Amino acid sequence: MHKGQTTTAPTDRWVLIDVVVEQTGYSKNAIYAKKKGCVWTRGRFWVEAPDGRIAFNLSHIQRWMSGGLSSGH
């Protein structure tokens, strides 16, 4: 592993926003508001892929929705 890289658990599922909308019922605006407002933090709830697209960690979001994971750092 190179310096600055992080590892993800095998259960992490990185998906694009349309899948998050479908699986959670949140609108795109609500999802981006959580991202922008740091409710869902970079590296934990979302990442920027090498092509510039934003991917979301669906397993973390689902755990957060059920109260099993706190937001923030």
PDB file of N, CA and C in Angstrom:
ATOM      1  N   MET A   1       0.843  -1.172   0.000  1.00  0.00           N
ATOM      2  CA  MET A   1       0.000   0.000   0.000  1.00  0.00           C
ATOM      3  C   MET A   1       0.887   1.232   0.000  1.00  0.00           C
ATOM      4  N   HIS A   2       0.505   2.241  -0.764  1.00  0.00           N
ATOM      5  CA  HIS A   2       1.269   3.464  -0.856  1.00  0.00           C
ATOM      6  C   HIS A   2       0.849   4.432   0.246  1.00  0.00           C
ATOM      7  N   LYS A   3       1.764   5.303   0.625  1.00  0.00           N
ATOM      8  CA  LYS A   3       1.470   6.319   1.633  1.00  0.00           C
ATOM      9  C   LYS A   3       0.268   7.149   1.190  1.00  0.00           C
ATOM     10  N   GLY A   4      -0.655   7.395   2.108  1.00  0.00           N
ATOM     11  CA  GLY A   4      -1.832   8.187   1.811  1.00  0.00           C
ATOM     12  C   GLY A   4      -3.021   7.389   1.326  1.00  0.00           C
ATOM     13  N   GLN A   5      -2.819   6.116   0.983  1.00  0.00           N
ATOM     14  CA  GLN A   5      -3.934   5.278   0.553  1.00  0.00           C
ATOM     15  C   GLN A   5      -4.661   4.750   1.772  1.00  0.00           C
ATOM     16  N   THR A   6      -5.931   4.518   1.623  1.00  0.00           N
ATOM     17  CA  THR A   6      -6.705   3.905   2.686  1.00  0.00           C
ATOM     18  C   THR A   6      -7.237   2.575   2.195  1.00  0.00           C
ATOM     19  N   THR A   7      -7.560   1.719   3.122  1.00  0.00           N
ATOM     20  CA  THR A   7      -8.165   0.447   2.747  1.00  0.00           C
ATOM     21  C   THR A   7      -9.633   0.490   3.097  1.00  0.00           C
ATOM     22  N   THR A   8     -10.407  -0.282   2.398  1.00  0.00           N
ATOM     23  CA  THR A   8     -11.827  -0.381   2.695  1.00  0.00           C
ATOM     24  C   THR A   8     -12.144  -1.818   3.055  1.00  0.00           C
ATOM     25  N   ALA A   9     -13.136  -1.972   3.870  1.00  0.00           N
ATOM     26  CA  ALA A   9     -13.552  -3.310   4.274  1.00  0.00           C
ATOM     27  C   ALA A   9     -14.218  -4.007   3.095  1.00  0.00           C
ATOM     28  N   PRO A  10     -14.155  -5.337   3.056  1.00  0.00           N
ATOM     29  CA  PRO A  10     -14.778  -6.064   1.949  1.00  0.00           C
ATOM     30  C   PRO A  10     -16.279  -5.836   1.840  1.00  0.00           C
ATOM     31  N   THR A  11     -16.912  -5.395   2.931  1.00  0.00           N
ATOM     32  CA  THR A  11     -18.350  -5.166   2.898  1.00  0.00           C
ATOM     33  C   THR A  11     -18.705  -3.780   2.378  1.00  0.00           C
ATOM     34  N   ASP A  12     -17.691  -2.918   2.185  1.00  0.00           N
ATOM     35  CA  ASP A  12     -17.969  -1.592   1.653  1.00  0.00           C
ATOM     36  C   ASP A  12     -18.510  -1.721   0.236  1.00  0.00           C
ATOM     37  N   ARG A  13     -19.528  -0.946  -0.039  1.00  0.00           N
ATOM     38  CA  ARG A  13     -20.132  -0.975  -1.372  1.00  0.00           C
ATOM     39  C   ARG A  13     -20.216   0.454  -1.875  1.00  0.00           C
ATOM     40  N   TRP A  14     -19.342   0.816  -2.791  1.00  0.00           N
ATOM     41  CA  TRP A  14     -19.306   2.158  -3.348  1.00  0.00           C
ATOM     42  C   TRP A  14     -20.210   2.204  -4.577  1.00  0.00           C
ATOM     43  N   VAL A  15     -21.173   3.118  -4.548  1.00  0.00           N
ATOM     44  CA  VAL A  15     -22.163   3.214  -5.610  1.00  0.00           C
ATOM     45  C   VAL A  15     -22.355   4.674  -6.007  1.00  0.00           C
ATOM     46  N   LEU A  16     -22.948   4.872  -7.170  1.00  0.00           N
ATOM     47  CA  LEU A  16     -23.261   6.221  -7.626  1.00  0.00           C
ATOM     48  C   LEU A  16     -24.582   6.686  -7.023  1.00  0.00           C
ATOM     49  N   ILE A  17     -24.843   7.968  -7.142  1.00  0.00           N
ATOM     50  CA  ILE A  17     -25.961   8.592  -6.438  1.00  0.00           C
ATOM     51  C   ILE A  17     -27.318   7.984  -6.778  1.00  0.00           C
ATOM     52  N   ASP A  18     -27.523   7.553  -8.009  1.00  0.00           N
ATOM     53  CA  ASP A  18     -28.826   6.978  -8.366  1.00  0.00           C
ATOM     54  C   ASP A  18     -29.146   5.731  -7.533  1.00  0.00           C
ATOM     55  N   VAL A  19     -28.133   4.953  -7.203  1.00  0.00           N
ATOM     56  CA  VAL A  19     -28.347   3.768  -6.366  1.00  0.00           C
ATOM     57  C   VAL A  19     -28.689   4.201  -4.938  1.00  0.00           C
ATOM     58  N   VAL A  20     -28.045   5.243  -4.447  1.00  0.00           N
ATOM     59  CA  VAL A  20     -28.345   5.742  -3.097  1.00  0.00           C
ATOM     60  C   VAL A  20     -29.784   6.242  -3.039  1.00  0.00           C
ATOM     61  N   VAL A  21     -30.202   6.969  -4.059  1.00  0.00           N
ATOM     62  CA  VAL A  21     -31.585   7.449  -4.133  1.00  0.00           C
ATOM     63  C   VAL A  21     -32.548   6.269  -4.087  1.00  0.00           C
ATOM     64  N   GLU A  22     -32.298   5.271  -4.907  1.00  0.00           N
ATOM     65  CA  GLU A  22     -33.175   4.096  -4.995  1.00  0.00           C
ATOM     66  C   GLU A  22     -33.217   3.318  -3.677  1.00  0.00           C
ATOM     67  N   GLN A  23     -32.078   3.133  -3.051  1.00  0.00           N
ATOM     68  CA  GLN A  23     -31.989   2.286  -1.863  1.00  0.00           C
ATOM     69  C   GLN A  23     -32.400   2.980  -0.566  1.00  0.00           C
ATOM     70  N   THR A  24     -32.298   4.315  -0.530  1.00  0.00           N
ATOM     71  CA  THR A  24     -32.587   5.028   0.721  1.00  0.00           C
ATOM     72  C   THR A  24     -33.863   5.843   0.692  1.00  0.00           C
ATOM     73  N   GLY A  25     -34.294   6.253  -0.502  1.00  0.00           N
ATOM     74  CA  GLY A  25     -35.460   7.124  -0.603  1.00  0.00           C
ATOM     75  C   GLY A  25     -35.119   8.596  -0.481  1.00  0.00           C
ATOM     76  N   TYR A  26     -33.861   8.926  -0.197  1.00  0.00           N
ATOM     77  CA  TYR A  26     -33.454  10.328  -0.154  1.00  0.00           C
ATOM     78  C   TYR A  26     -33.367  10.876  -1.576  1.00  0.00           C
ATOM     79  N   SER A  27     -33.708  12.148  -1.736  1.00  0.00           N
ATOM     80  CA  SER A  27     -33.561  12.794  -3.040  1.00  0.00           C
ATOM     81  C   SER A  27     -32.088  13.119  -3.280  1.00  0.00           C
ATOM     82  N   LYS A  28     -31.757  13.401  -4.534  1.00  0.00           N
ATOM     83  CA  LYS A  28     -30.390  13.809  -4.845  1.00  0.00           C
ATOM     84  C   LYS A  28     -30.009  15.061  -4.062  1.00  0.00           C
ATOM     85  N   ASN A  29     -30.935  16.000  -3.959  1.00  0.00           N
ATOM     86  CA  ASN A  29     -30.653  17.232  -3.214  1.00  0.00           C
ATOM     87  C   ASN A  29     -30.362  16.938  -1.746  1.00  0.00           C
ATOM     88  N   ALA A  30     -31.115  16.038  -1.142  1.00  0.00           N
ATOM     89  CA  ALA A  30     -30.890  15.685   0.258  1.00  0.00           C
ATOM     90  C   ALA A  30     -29.535  15.003   0.446  1.00  0.00           C
ATOM     91  N   ILE A  31     -29.176  14.159  -0.491  1.00  0.00           N
ATOM     92  CA  ILE A  31     -27.894  13.454  -0.426  1.00  0.00           C
ATOM     93  C   ILE A  31     -26.743  14.446  -0.537  1.00  0.00           C
ATOM     94  N   TYR A  32     -26.809  15.342  -1.514  1.00  0.00           N
ATOM     95  CA  TYR A  32     -25.740  16.319  -1.679  1.00  0.00           C
ATOM     96  C   TYR A  32     -25.688  17.294  -0.498  1.00  0.00           C
ATOM     97  N   ALA A  33     -26.833  17.585   0.117  1.00  0.00           N
ATOM     98  CA  ALA A  33     -26.841  18.448   1.303  1.00  0.00           C
ATOM     99  C   ALA A  33     -26.114  17.771   2.464  1.00  0.00           C
ATOM    100  N   LYS A  34     -26.301  16.470   2.630  1.00  0.00           N
ATOM    101  CA  LYS A  34     -25.599  15.731   3.686  1.00  0.00           C
ATOM    102  C   LYS A  34     -24.097  15.707   3.413  1.00  0.00           C
ATOM    103  N   LYS A  35     -23.726  15.588   2.158  1.00  0.00           N
ATOM    104  CA  LYS A  35     -22.312  15.616   1.765  1.00  0.00           C
ATOM    105  C   LYS A  35     -21.725  17.006   2.005  1.00  0.00           C
ATOM    106  N   LYS A  36     -22.389  18.030   1.520  1.00  0.00           N
ATOM    107  CA  LYS A  36     -21.889  19.399   1.637  1.00  0.00           C
ATOM    108  C   LYS A  36     -21.872  19.875   3.085  1.00  0.00           C
ATOM    109  N   GLY A  37     -22.862  19.463   3.870  1.00  0.00           N
ATOM    110  CA  GLY A  37     -22.953  19.882   5.265  1.00  0.00           C
ATOM    111  C   GLY A  37     -22.107  19.051   6.214  1.00  0.00           C
ATOM    112  N   CYS A  38     -21.302  18.152   5.659  1.00  0.00           N
ATOM    113  CA  CYS A  38     -20.403  17.286   6.444  1.00  0.00           C
ATOM    114  C   CYS A  38     -21.145  16.342   7.382  1.00  0.00           C
ATOM    115  N   VAL A  39     -22.407  16.072   7.095  1.00  0.00           N
ATOM    116  CA  VAL A  39     -23.107  15.013   7.819  1.00  0.00           C
ATOM    117  C   VAL A  39     -22.503  13.679   7.398  1.00  0.00           C
ATOM    118  N   TRP A  40     -22.255  13.563   6.095  1.00  0.00           N
ATOM    119  CA  TRP A  40     -21.565  12.392   5.547  1.00  0.00           C
ATOM    120  C   TRP A  40     -20.183  12.858   5.106  1.00  0.00           C
ATOM    121  N   THR A  41     -19.155  12.378   5.754  1.00  0.00           N
ATOM    122  CA  THR A  41     -17.803  12.861   5.525  1.00  0.00           C
ATOM    123  C   THR A  41     -17.091  12.115   4.398  1.00  0.00           C
ATOM    124  N   ARG A  42     -16.159  12.839   3.799  1.00  0.00           N
ATOM    125  CA  ARG A  42     -15.336  12.292   2.712  1.00  0.00           C
ATOM    126  C   ARG A  42     -14.473  11.151   3.243  1.00  0.00           C
ATOM    127  N   GLY A  43     -14.367  10.106   2.477  1.00  0.00           N
ATOM    128  CA  GLY A  43     -13.553   8.959   2.848  1.00  0.00           C
ATOM    129  C   GLY A  43     -14.312   7.918   3.634  1.00  0.00           C
ATOM    130  N   ARG A  44     -15.340   8.334   4.318  1.00  0.00           N
ATOM    131  CA  ARG A  44     -16.156   7.408   5.108  1.00  0.00           C
ATOM    132  C   ARG A  44     -17.492   7.141   4.419  1.00  0.00           C
ATOM    133  N   PHE A  45     -18.163   8.214   4.020  1.00  0.00           N
ATOM    134  CA  PHE A  45     -19.468   8.088   3.379  1.00  0.00           C
ATOM    135  C   PHE A  45     -19.406   8.324   1.873  1.00  0.00           C
ATOM    136  N   TRP A  46     -18.391   9.036   1.421  1.00  0.00           N
ATOM    137  CA  TRP A  46     -18.273   9.300  -0.013  1.00  0.00           C
ATOM    138  C   TRP A  46     -16.814   9.503  -0.386  1.00  0.00           C
ATOM    139  N   VAL A  47     -16.518   9.254  -1.658  1.00  0.00           N
ATOM    140  CA  VAL A  47     -15.185   9.488  -2.217  1.00  0.00           C
ATOM    141  C   VAL A  47     -15.345  10.060  -3.609  1.00  0.00           C
ATOM    142  N   GLU A  48     -14.286  10.707  -4.070  1.00  0.00           N
ATOM    143  CA  GLU A  48     -14.250  11.148  -5.454  1.00  0.00           C
ATOM    144  C   GLU A  48     -13.425  10.138  -6.231  1.00  0.00           C
ATOM    145  N   ALA A  49     -14.022   9.530  -7.211  1.00  0.00           N
ATOM    146  CA  ALA A  49     -13.334   8.541  -8.037  1.00  0.00           C
ATOM    147  C   ALA A  49     -12.310   9.240  -8.935  1.00  0.00           C
ATOM    148  N   PRO A  50     -11.357   8.494  -9.480  1.00  0.00           N
ATOM    149  CA  PRO A  50     -10.348   9.096 -10.360  1.00  0.00           C
ATOM    150  C   PRO A  50     -10.927   9.861 -11.546  1.00  0.00           C
ATOM    151  N   ASP A  51     -12.131   9.493 -11.970  1.00  0.00           N
ATOM    152  CA  ASP A  51     -12.753  10.200 -13.098  1.00  0.00           C
ATOM    153  C   ASP A  51     -13.558  11.421 -12.661  1.00  0.00           C
ATOM    154  N   GLY A  52     -13.518  11.736 -11.346  1.00  0.00           N
ATOM    155  CA  GLY A  52     -14.205  12.919 -10.832  1.00  0.00           C
ATOM    156  C   GLY A  52     -15.618  12.677 -10.349  1.00  0.00           C
ATOM    157  N   ARG A  53     -16.151  11.491 -10.582  1.00  0.00           N
ATOM    158  CA  ARG A  53     -17.513  11.195 -10.114  1.00  0.00           C
ATOM    159  C   ARG A  53     -17.488  10.901  -8.617  1.00  0.00           C
ATOM    160  N   ILE A  54     -18.585  11.187  -7.968  1.00  0.00           N
ATOM    161  CA  ILE A  54     -18.707  10.946  -6.543  1.00  0.00           C
ATOM    162  C   ILE A  54     -19.358   9.581  -6.337  1.00  0.00           C
ATOM    163  N   ALA A  55     -18.733   8.759  -5.499  1.00  0.00           N
ATOM    164  CA  ALA A  55     -19.283   7.454  -5.138  1.00  0.00           C
ATOM    165  C   ALA A  55     -19.592   7.463  -3.656  1.00  0.00           C
ATOM    166  N   PHE A  56     -20.663   6.816  -3.284  1.00  0.00           N
ATOM    167  CA  PHE A  56     -21.124   6.783  -1.900  1.00  0.00           C
ATOM    168  C   PHE A  56     -21.011   5.374  -1.340  1.00  0.00           C
ATOM    169  N   ASN A  57     -20.689   5.281  -0.068  1.00  0.00           N
ATOM    170  CA  ASN A  57     -20.567   3.992   0.608  1.00  0.00           C
ATOM    171  C   ASN A  57     -21.949   3.601   1.120  1.00  0.00           C
ATOM    172  N   LEU A  58     -22.632   2.783   0.362  1.00  0.00           N
ATOM    173  CA  LEU A  58     -24.015   2.434   0.680  1.00  0.00           C
ATOM    174  C   LEU A  58     -24.135   1.713   2.017  1.00  0.00           C
ATOM    175  N   SER A  59     -23.181   0.840   2.337  1.00  0.00           N
ATOM    176  CA  SER A  59     -23.268   0.114   3.612  1.00  0.00           C
ATOM    177  C   SER A  59     -23.144   1.072   4.800  1.00  0.00           C
ATOM    178  N   HIS A  60     -22.270   2.078   4.711  1.00  0.00           N
ATOM    179  CA  HIS A  60     -22.150   3.061   5.790  1.00  0.00           C
ATOM    180  C   HIS A  60     -23.424   3.903   5.902  1.00  0.00           C
ATOM    181  N   ILE A  61     -23.970   4.318   4.770  1.00  0.00           N
ATOM    182  CA  ILE A  61     -25.187   5.124   4.780  1.00  0.00           C
ATOM    183  C   ILE A  61     -26.335   4.343   5.403  1.00  0.00           C
ATOM    184  N   GLN A  62     -26.479   3.081   5.050  1.00  0.00           N
ATOM    185  CA  GLN A  62     -27.554   2.265   5.623  1.00  0.00           C
ATOM    186  C   GLN A  62     -27.358   2.077   7.118  1.00  0.00           C
ATOM    187  N   ARG A  63     -26.122   1.876   7.563  1.00  0.00           N
ATOM    188  CA  ARG A  63     -25.858   1.765   9.006  1.00  0.00           C
ATOM    189  C   ARG A  63     -26.152   3.085   9.708  1.00  0.00           C
ATOM    190  N   TRP A  64     -25.807   4.213   9.086  1.00  0.00           N
ATOM    191  CA  TRP A  64     -26.085   5.530   9.654  1.00  0.00           C
ATOM    192  C   TRP A  64     -27.596   5.741   9.787  1.00  0.00           C
ATOM    193  N   MET A  65     -28.349   5.336   8.761  1.00  0.00           N
ATOM    194  CA  MET A  65     -29.801   5.503   8.777  1.00  0.00           C
ATOM    195  C   MET A  65     -30.448   4.700   9.902  1.00  0.00           C
ATOM    196  N   SER A  66     -29.873   3.560  10.239  1.00  0.00           N
ATOM    197  CA  SER A  66     -30.454   2.727  11.299  1.00  0.00           C
ATOM    198  C   SER A  66     -29.946   3.108  12.680  1.00  0.00           C
ATOM    199  N   GLY A  67     -29.102   4.144  12.745  1.00  0.00           N
ATOM    200  CA  GLY A  67     -28.601   4.606  14.037  1.00  0.00           C
ATOM    201  C   GLY A  67     -27.368   3.857  14.518  1.00  0.00           C
ATOM    202  N   GLY A  68     -26.827   2.987  13.675  1.00  0.00           N
ATOM    203  CA  GLY A  68     -25.683   2.183  14.081  1.00  0.00           C
ATOM    204  C   GLY A  68     -24.345   2.797  13.757  1.00  0.00           C
ATOM    205  N   LEU A  69     -24.336   4.013  13.179  1.00  0.00           N
ATOM    206  CA  LEU A  69     -23.084   4.656  12.797  1.00  0.00           C
ATOM    207  C   LEU A  69     -23.284   6.154  12.916  1.00  0.00           C
ATOM    208  N   SER A  70     -22.373   6.816  13.604  1.00  0.00           N
ATOM    209  CA  SER A  70     -22.493   8.263  13.743  1.00  0.00           C
ATOM    210  C   SER A  70     -21.965   8.960  12.501  1.00  0.00           C
ATOM    211  N   SER A  71     -22.434  10.169  12.274  1.00  0.00           N
ATOM    212  CA  SER A  71     -21.920  10.951  11.160  1.00  0.00           C
ATOM    213  C   SER A  71     -20.636  11.640  11.585  1.00  0.00           C
ATOM    214  N   GLY A  72     -20.044  12.346  10.661  1.00  0.00           N
ATOM    215  CA  GLY A  72     -18.809  13.065  10.984  1.00  0.00           C
ATOM    216  C   GLY A  72     -17.616  12.179  10.896  1.00  0.00           C
ATOM    217  N   HIS A  73     -16.586  12.574  11.632  1.00  0.00           N
ATOM    218  CA  HIS A  73     -15.271  11.908  11.508  1.00  0.00           C
ATOM    219  C   HIS A  73     -15.231  10.604  12.225  1.00  0.00           C
TER     220      HIS A  73
END
